[in-house]
Amino acid sequence: MTNKTKKRFIAGATCPQCKSLDSLMLFFENNVEKLACVKCDYAETQTQEKVSSATRPSENVIGVFKP
């Protein structure tokens, strides 16, 4: 069974790397929002608000585990 990822293009968006118009797509992979350009290898991952707010700026912490 194949797992199809629903991808949608962002109308009017310009790639920050190659400057192509209408080449950015947004999709979810493992419940993480990702942005990618179909013209070049640019990719960006959106961190979850819970993880971002749990990190402390003065430390090199990736995330905080809260059981």
PDB file of N, CA and C in Angstrom:
ATOM      1  N   MET A   1       0.847  -1.187   0.000  1.00  0.00           N
ATOM      2  CA  MET A   1       0.000   0.000   0.000  1.00  0.00           C
ATOM      3  C   MET A   1       0.890   1.247   0.000  1.00  0.00           C
ATOM      4  N   THR A   2       0.658   2.171  -0.923  1.00  0.00           N
ATOM      5  CA  THR A   2       1.449   3.384  -1.008  1.00  0.00           C
ATOM      6  C   THR A   2       0.804   4.498  -0.210  1.00  0.00           C
ATOM      7  N   ASN A   3       1.641   5.338   0.366  1.00  0.00           N
ATOM      8  CA  ASN A   3       1.167   6.469   1.148  1.00  0.00           C
ATOM      9  C   ASN A   3       1.335   7.727   0.313  1.00  0.00           C
ATOM     10  N   LYS A   4       0.235   8.275  -0.186  1.00  0.00           N
ATOM     11  CA  LYS A   4       0.292   9.467  -1.007  1.00  0.00           C
ATOM     12  C   LYS A   4       0.259  10.693  -0.107  1.00  0.00           C
ATOM     13  N   THR A   5       1.195  11.602  -0.347  1.00  0.00           N
ATOM     14  CA  THR A   5       1.246  12.851   0.382  1.00  0.00           C
ATOM     15  C   THR A   5       0.557  13.917  -0.446  1.00  0.00           C
ATOM     16  N   LYS A   6      -0.434  14.583   0.144  1.00  0.00           N
ATOM     17  CA  LYS A   6      -1.140  15.632  -0.556  1.00  0.00           C
ATOM     18  C   LYS A   6      -0.279  16.894  -0.547  1.00  0.00           C
ATOM     19  N   LYS A   7       0.076  17.374  -1.733  1.00  0.00           N
ATOM     20  CA  LYS A   7       0.914  18.555  -1.874  1.00  0.00           C
ATOM     21  C   LYS A   7       0.114  19.640  -2.557  1.00  0.00           C
ATOM     22  N   ARG A   8       0.300  20.877  -2.088  1.00  0.00           N
ATOM     23  CA  ARG A   8      -0.409  21.983  -2.726  1.00  0.00           C
ATOM     24  C   ARG A   8       0.564  23.120  -2.990  1.00  0.00           C
ATOM     25  N   PHE A   9       0.383  23.775  -4.116  1.00  0.00           N
ATOM     26  CA  PHE A   9       1.240  24.876  -4.495  1.00  0.00           C
ATOM     27  C   PHE A   9       0.743  26.169  -3.878  1.00  0.00           C
ATOM     28  N   ILE A  10       1.666  27.081  -3.602  1.00  0.00           N
ATOM     29  CA  ILE A  10       1.336  28.367  -3.019  1.00  0.00           C
ATOM     30  C   ILE A  10       1.361  29.394  -4.151  1.00  0.00           C
ATOM     31  N   ALA A  11       0.180  29.866  -4.534  1.00  0.00           N
ATOM     32  CA  ALA A  11       0.054  30.800  -5.663  1.00  0.00           C
ATOM     33  C   ALA A  11       0.731  32.126  -5.348  1.00  0.00           C
ATOM     34  N   GLY A  12       1.551  32.582  -6.282  1.00  0.00           N
ATOM     35  CA  GLY A  12       2.205  33.871  -6.140  1.00  0.00           C
ATOM     36  C   GLY A  12       3.455  33.875  -5.278  1.00  0.00           C
ATOM     37  N   ALA A  13       3.837  32.725  -4.736  1.00  0.00           N
ATOM     38  CA  ALA A  13       5.019  32.649  -3.877  1.00  0.00           C
ATOM     39  C   ALA A  13       6.283  32.523  -4.715  1.00  0.00           C
ATOM     40  N   THR A  14       7.351  33.149  -4.241  1.00  0.00           N
ATOM     41  CA  THR A  14       8.645  33.104  -4.916  1.00  0.00           C
ATOM     42  C   THR A  14       9.628  32.329  -4.054  1.00  0.00           C
ATOM     43  N   CYS A  15      10.365  31.439  -4.652  1.00  0.00           N
ATOM     44  CA  CYS A  15      11.363  30.650  -3.945  1.00  0.00           C
ATOM     45  C   CYS A  15      12.483  31.573  -3.454  1.00  0.00           C
ATOM     46  N   PRO A  16      12.840  31.492  -2.172  1.00  0.00           N
ATOM     47  CA  PRO A  16      13.906  32.344  -1.660  1.00  0.00           C
ATOM     48  C   PRO A  16      15.283  32.008  -2.233  1.00  0.00           C
ATOM     49  N   GLN A  17      15.458  30.819  -2.751  1.00  0.00           N
ATOM     50  CA  GLN A  17      16.761  30.404  -3.263  1.00  0.00           C
ATOM     51  C   GLN A  17      16.932  30.693  -4.763  1.00  0.00           C
ATOM     52  N   CYS A  18      16.015  30.174  -5.590  1.00  0.00           N
ATOM     53  CA  CYS A  18      16.162  30.326  -7.047  1.00  0.00           C
ATOM     54  C   CYS A  18      15.288  31.433  -7.630  1.00  0.00           C
ATOM     55  N   LYS A  19      14.441  32.043  -6.809  1.00  0.00           N
ATOM     56  CA  LYS A  19      13.565  33.166  -7.203  1.00  0.00           C
ATOM     57  C   LYS A  19      12.506  32.799  -8.236  1.00  0.00           C
ATOM     58  N   SER A  20      12.203  31.502  -8.408  1.00  0.00           N
ATOM     59  CA  SER A  20      11.152  31.077  -9.339  1.00  0.00           C
ATOM     60  C   SER A  20       9.779  31.382  -8.745  1.00  0.00           C
ATOM     61  N   LEU A  21       8.898  31.862  -9.578  1.00  0.00           N
ATOM     62  CA  LEU A  21       7.536  32.185  -9.165  1.00  0.00           C
ATOM     63  C   LEU A  21       6.653  30.949  -9.284  1.00  0.00           C
ATOM     64  N   ASP A  22       5.773  30.742  -8.331  1.00  0.00           N
ATOM     65  CA  ASP A  22       4.809  29.629  -8.323  1.00  0.00           C
ATOM     66  C   ASP A  22       5.479  28.247  -8.360  1.00  0.00           C
ATOM     67  N   SER A  23       6.594  28.092  -7.693  1.00  0.00           N
ATOM     68  CA  SER A  23       7.275  26.793  -7.669  1.00  0.00           C
ATOM     69  C   SER A  23       7.324  26.174  -6.277  1.00  0.00           C
ATOM     70  N   LEU A  24       6.757  26.862  -5.269  1.00  0.00           N
ATOM     71  CA  LEU A  24       6.778  26.348  -3.900  1.00  0.00           C
ATOM     72  C   LEU A  24       5.549  25.501  -3.616  1.00  0.00           C
ATOM     73  N   MET A  25       5.790  24.344  -2.994  1.00  0.00           N
ATOM     74  CA  MET A  25       4.677  23.481  -2.597  1.00  0.00           C
ATOM     75  C   MET A  25       4.749  23.242  -1.099  1.00  0.00           C
ATOM     76  N   LEU A  26       3.592  23.068  -0.507  1.00  0.00           N
ATOM     77  CA  LEU A  26       3.447  22.855   0.926  1.00  0.00           C
ATOM     78  C   LEU A  26       2.849  21.483   1.133  1.00  0.00           C
ATOM     79  N   PHE A  27       3.411  20.720   2.092  1.00  0.00           N
ATOM     80  CA  PHE A  27       2.888  19.387   2.369  1.00  0.00           C
ATOM     81  C   PHE A  27       3.234  18.968   3.789  1.00  0.00           C
ATOM     82  N   PHE A  28       2.585  17.935   4.274  1.00  0.00           N
ATOM     83  CA  PHE A  28       2.853  17.383   5.595  1.00  0.00           C
ATOM     84  C   PHE A  28       3.535  16.042   5.438  1.00  0.00           C
ATOM     85  N   GLU A  29       4.594  15.824   6.224  1.00  0.00           N
ATOM     86  CA  GLU A  29       5.316  14.560   6.239  1.00  0.00           C
ATOM     87  C   GLU A  29       5.566  14.202   7.697  1.00  0.00           C
ATOM     88  N   ASN A  30       5.016  13.084   8.136  1.00  0.00           N
ATOM     89  CA  ASN A  30       5.107  12.671   9.545  1.00  0.00           C
ATOM     90  C   ASN A  30       4.590  13.757  10.477  1.00  0.00           C
ATOM     91  N   ASN A  31       3.468  14.369  10.109  1.00  0.00           N
ATOM     92  CA  ASN A  31       2.810  15.426  10.880  1.00  0.00           C
ATOM     93  C   ASN A  31       3.665  16.678  11.046  1.00  0.00           C
ATOM     94  N   VAL A  32       4.616  16.897  10.156  1.00  0.00           N
ATOM     95  CA  VAL A  32       5.447  18.098  10.161  1.00  0.00           C
ATOM     96  C   VAL A  32       5.207  18.829   8.844  1.00  0.00           C
ATOM     97  N   GLU A  33       4.926  20.133   8.941  1.00  0.00           N
ATOM     98  CA  GLU A  33       4.666  20.934   7.757  1.00  0.00           C
ATOM     99  C   GLU A  33       5.986  21.245   7.050  1.00  0.00           C
ATOM    100  N   LYS A  34       6.037  20.981   5.741  1.00  0.00           N
ATOM    101  CA  LYS A  34       7.259  21.194   4.975  1.00  0.00           C
ATOM    102  C   LYS A  34       6.958  22.026   3.742  1.00  0.00           C
ATOM    103  N   LEU A  35       7.976  22.777   3.333  1.00  0.00           N
ATOM    104  CA  LEU A  35       7.891  23.642   2.167  1.00  0.00           C
ATOM    105  C   LEU A  35       9.048  23.270   1.247  1.00  0.00           C
ATOM    106  N   ALA A  36       8.780  23.110  -0.042  1.00  0.00           N
ATOM    107  CA  ALA A  36       9.838  22.723  -0.977  1.00  0.00           C
ATOM    108  C   ALA A  36       9.600  23.387  -2.325  1.00  0.00           C
ATOM    109  N   CYS A  37      10.716  23.627  -3.021  1.00  0.00           N
ATOM    110  CA  CYS A  37      10.660  24.185  -4.368  1.00  0.00           C
ATOM    111  C   CYS A  37      10.827  23.049  -5.370  1.00  0.00           C
ATOM    112  N   VAL A  38      10.010  23.046  -6.418  1.00  0.00           N
ATOM    113  CA  VAL A  38      10.095  21.998  -7.435  1.00  0.00           C
ATOM    114  C   VAL A  38      11.167  22.304  -8.490  1.00  0.00           C
ATOM    115  N   LYS A  39      11.702  23.528  -8.506  1.00  0.00           N
ATOM    116  CA  LYS A  39      12.711  23.920  -9.486  1.00  0.00           C
ATOM    117  C   LYS A  39      14.140  23.716  -8.974  1.00  0.00           C
ATOM    118  N   CYS A  40      14.347  23.853  -7.671  1.00  0.00           N
ATOM    119  CA  CYS A  40      15.686  23.704  -7.109  1.00  0.00           C
ATOM    120  C   CYS A  40      15.593  22.806  -5.866  1.00  0.00           C
ATOM    121  N   ASP A  41      16.644  22.723  -5.101  1.00  0.00           N
ATOM    122  CA  ASP A  41      16.651  21.825  -3.940  1.00  0.00           C
ATOM    123  C   ASP A  41      16.291  22.530  -2.633  1.00  0.00           C
ATOM    124  N   TYR A  42      15.669  23.708  -2.706  1.00  0.00           N
ATOM    125  CA  TYR A  42      15.294  24.440  -1.492  1.00  0.00           C
ATOM    126  C   TYR A  42      14.216  23.679  -0.729  1.00  0.00           C
ATOM    127  N   ALA A  43      14.391  23.590   0.584  1.00  0.00           N
ATOM    128  CA  ALA A  43      13.400  22.954   1.453  1.00  0.00           C
ATOM    129  C   ALA A  43      13.440  23.623   2.814  1.00  0.00           C
ATOM    130  N   GLU A  44      12.269  23.706   3.444  1.00  0.00           N
ATOM    131  CA  GLU A  44      12.158  24.315   4.762  1.00  0.00           C
ATOM    132  C   GLU A  44      11.165  23.502   5.574  1.00  0.00           C
ATOM    133  N   THR A  45      11.426  23.363   6.858  1.00  0.00           N
ATOM    134  CA  THR A  45      10.547  22.619   7.747  1.00  0.00           C
ATOM    135  C   THR A  45       9.999  23.553   8.799  1.00  0.00           C
ATOM    136  N   GLN A  46       8.703  23.512   9.012  1.00  0.00           N
ATOM    137  CA  GLN A  46       8.043  24.337  10.031  1.00  0.00           C
ATOM    138  C   GLN A  46       8.034  23.577  11.344  1.00  0.00           C
ATOM    139  N   THR A  47       8.651  24.141  12.373  1.00  0.00           N
ATOM    140  CA  THR A  47       8.637  23.488  13.685  1.00  0.00           C
ATOM    141  C   THR A  47       7.294  23.720  14.356  1.00  0.00           C
ATOM    142  N   GLN A  48       6.928  22.807  15.207  1.00  0.00           N
ATOM    143  CA  GLN A  48       5.674  22.943  15.929  1.00  0.00           C
ATOM    144  C   GLN A  48       5.816  24.019  16.996  1.00  0.00           C
ATOM    145  N   GLU A  49       4.714  24.748  17.288  1.00  0.00           N
ATOM    146  CA  GLU A  49       4.745  25.815  18.280  1.00  0.00           C
ATOM    147  C   GLU A  49       5.130  25.292  19.660  1.00  0.00           C
ATOM    148  N   LYS A  50       4.694  24.090  20.012  1.00  0.00           N
ATOM    149  CA  LYS A  50       5.006  23.521  21.323  1.00  0.00           C
ATOM    150  C   LYS A  50       6.512  23.327  21.485  1.00  0.00           C
ATOM    151  N   VAL A  51       7.160  22.853  20.445  1.00  0.00           N
ATOM    152  CA  VAL A  51       8.604  22.615  20.511  1.00  0.00           C
ATOM    153  C   VAL A  51       9.349  23.938  20.561  1.00  0.00           C
ATOM    154  N   SER A  52       8.956  24.908  19.750  1.00  0.00           N
ATOM    155  CA  SER A  52       9.628  26.207  19.723  1.00  0.00           C
ATOM    156  C   SER A  52       9.490  26.940  21.048  1.00  0.00           C
ATOM    157  N   SER A  53       8.320  26.902  21.632  1.00  0.00           N
ATOM    158  CA  SER A  53       8.107  27.619  22.885  1.00  0.00           C
ATOM    159  C   SER A  53       8.766  26.923  24.063  1.00  0.00           C
ATOM    160  N   ALA A  54       9.069  25.642  23.942  1.00  0.00           N
ATOM    161  CA  ALA A  54       9.683  24.904  25.040  1.00  0.00           C
ATOM    162  C   ALA A  54      11.198  25.057  25.072  1.00  0.00           C
ATOM    163  N   THR A  55      11.805  25.529  23.989  1.00  0.00           N
ATOM    164  CA  THR A  55      13.257  25.680  23.977  1.00  0.00           C
ATOM    165  C   THR A  55      13.647  26.973  24.659  1.00  0.00           C
ATOM    166  N   ARG A  56      14.812  26.960  25.272  1.00  0.00           N
ATOM    167  CA  ARG A  56      15.321  28.139  25.957  1.00  0.00           C
ATOM    168  C   ARG A  56      16.427  28.745  25.105  1.00  0.00           C
ATOM    169  N   PRO A  57      16.372  30.041  24.829  1.00  0.00           N
ATOM    170  CA  PRO A  57      17.308  30.663  23.891  1.00  0.00           C
ATOM    171  C   PRO A  57      18.779  30.596  24.314  1.00  0.00           C
ATOM    172  N   SER A  58      19.071  30.510  25.594  1.00  0.00           N
ATOM    173  CA  SER A  58      20.458  30.521  26.040  1.00  0.00           C
ATOM    174  C   SER A  58      21.110  29.139  26.009  1.00  0.00           C
ATOM    175  N   GLU A  59      20.357  28.116  25.642  1.00  0.00           N
ATOM    176  CA  GLU A  59      20.884  26.760  25.641  1.00  0.00           C
ATOM    177  C   GLU A  59      20.773  26.142  24.241  1.00  0.00           C
ATOM    178  N   ASN A  60      21.617  25.155  23.979  1.00  0.00           N
ATOM    179  CA  ASN A  60      21.560  24.433  22.710  1.00  0.00           C
ATOM    180  C   ASN A  60      20.679  23.197  22.896  1.00  0.00           C
ATOM    181  N   VAL A  61      19.391  23.417  23.065  1.00  0.00           N
ATOM    182  CA  VAL A  61      18.445  22.354  23.302  1.00  0.00           C
ATOM    183  C   VAL A  61      17.565  22.203  22.063  1.00  0.00           C
ATOM    184  N   ILE A  62      17.419  20.984  21.587  1.00  0.00           N
ATOM    185  CA  ILE A  62      16.570  20.740  20.430  1.00  0.00           C
ATOM    186  C   ILE A  62      15.105  20.775  20.846  1.00  0.00           C
ATOM    187  N   GLY A  63      14.766  20.153  21.949  1.00  0.00           N
ATOM    188  CA  GLY A  63      13.393  20.131  22.437  1.00  0.00           C
ATOM    189  C   GLY A  63      13.390  19.698  23.896  1.00  0.00           C
ATOM    190  N   VAL A  64      12.269  19.890  24.536  1.00  0.00           N
ATOM    191  CA  VAL A  64      12.138  19.513  25.935  1.00  0.00           C
ATOM    192  C   VAL A  64      11.071  18.443  26.040  1.00  0.00           C
ATOM    193  N   PHE A  65      11.432  17.317  26.638  1.00  0.00           N
ATOM    194  CA  PHE A  65      10.492  16.215  26.812  1.00  0.00           C
ATOM    195  C   PHE A  65       9.659  16.459  28.059  1.00  0.00           C
ATOM    196  N   LYS A  66       8.347  16.528  27.881  1.00  0.00           N
ATOM    197  CA  LYS A  66       7.419  16.730  29.014  1.00  0.00           C
ATOM    198  C   LYS A  66       6.423  15.581  28.999  1.00  0.00           C
ATOM    199  N   PRO A  67       6.635  14.562  29.857  1.00  0.00           N
ATOM    200  CA  PRO A  67       5.721  13.405  29.869  1.00  0.00           C
ATOM    201  C   PRO A  67       4.334  13.753  30.382  1.00  0.00           C
TER     202      PRO A  67
END
